[in-house]
């Protein structure tokens, strides 16, 4: 879903996806500090990896 949002140049769904994800894990985030760090790092890493994949896809489409 995040990759499709990048492709469509619409960043609002990304904020919605991340908000829903945080809301679903809220209880664990509040109760366990180590899980909250894991959650934030994992979420940021997945968004960065998806953005890098988008940049690679965009570069392939532009140059070919």
Protein backbone atom coordinates (compact mmCIF):
# COMPACT_ATOMS: atom_id res chain seq x y z
CA UNK A 1 0.00 0.00 0.00
CA UNK A 2 2.84 2.37 0.83
CA UNK A 3 4.55 1.64 -2.48
CA UNK A 4 1.32 2.39 -4.34
CA UNK A 5 1.03 5.65 -2.44
CA UNK A 6 4.55 6.64 -3.51
CA UNK A 7 3.81 5.69 -7.11
CA UNK A 8 0.63 7.76 -7.14
CA UNK A 9 2.44 10.70 -5.45
CA UNK A 10 -0.20 10.74 -2.77
CA UNK A 11 1.37 10.75 0.70
CA UNK A 12 -1.81 11.05 2.78
CA UNK A 13 -2.52 7.28 2.70
CA UNK A 14 0.95 6.68 4.15
CA UNK A 15 0.07 8.77 7.19
CA UNK A 16 -3.21 6.89 7.52
CA UNK A 17 -1.48 3.50 7.27
CA UNK A 18 1.11 4.43 9.90
CA UNK A 19 -1.59 5.83 12.21
CA UNK A 20 -3.70 2.69 11.94
CA UNK A 21 -0.64 0.54 12.56
CA UNK A 22 0.26 2.54 15.69
CA UNK A 23 -3.35 2.48 16.91
CA UNK A 24 -3.49 -1.30 16.53
CA UNK A 25 -0.31 -1.73 18.60
CA UNK A 26 -0.99 1.06 21.10
CA UNK A 27 -1.39 -1.19 24.13
CA UNK A 28 1.92 -2.95 23.52
CA UNK A 29 3.68 0.34 22.77
CA UNK A 30 2.53 1.86 26.08
CA UNK A 31 3.28 -1.20 28.20
CA UNK A 32 6.68 -2.25 26.85
CA UNK A 33 9.42 0.31 26.20
CA UNK A 34 11.60 -2.13 24.27
CA UNK A 35 8.68 -3.02 22.00
CA UNK A 36 8.01 0.65 21.32
CA UNK A 37 11.61 1.13 20.16
CA UNK A 38 11.35 -2.02 18.04
CA UNK A 39 8.06 -0.80 16.59
CA UNK A 40 9.40 2.65 15.66
CA UNK A 41 12.63 1.31 14.15
CA UNK A 42 10.81 -1.41 12.24
CA UNK A 43 8.20 0.98 10.89
CA UNK A 44 10.79 3.52 9.79
CA UNK A 45 12.93 0.81 8.20
CA UNK A 46 10.01 -0.59 6.23
CA UNK A 47 9.05 2.88 4.94
CA UNK A 48 12.67 3.65 3.97
CA UNK A 49 13.06 0.31 2.17
CA UNK A 50 9.79 0.89 0.34
CA UNK A 51 10.91 4.39 -0.66
CA UNK A 52 14.23 3.01 -1.96
CA UNK A 53 12.32 0.42 -4.00
CA UNK A 54 10.13 3.20 -5.36
CA UNK A 55 13.22 5.21 -6.37
CA UNK A 56 14.69 2.17 -8.11
CA UNK A 57 11.43 1.48 -9.93
CA UNK A 58 11.14 5.12 -10.93
CA UNK A 59 14.72 5.15 -12.22
CA UNK A 60 14.08 2.03 -14.29
CA UNK A 61 10.96 3.50 -15.83
CA UNK A 62 12.57 6.86 -16.59
CA UNK A 63 15.76 5.53 -18.14
CA UNK A 64 14.14 2.76 -20.21
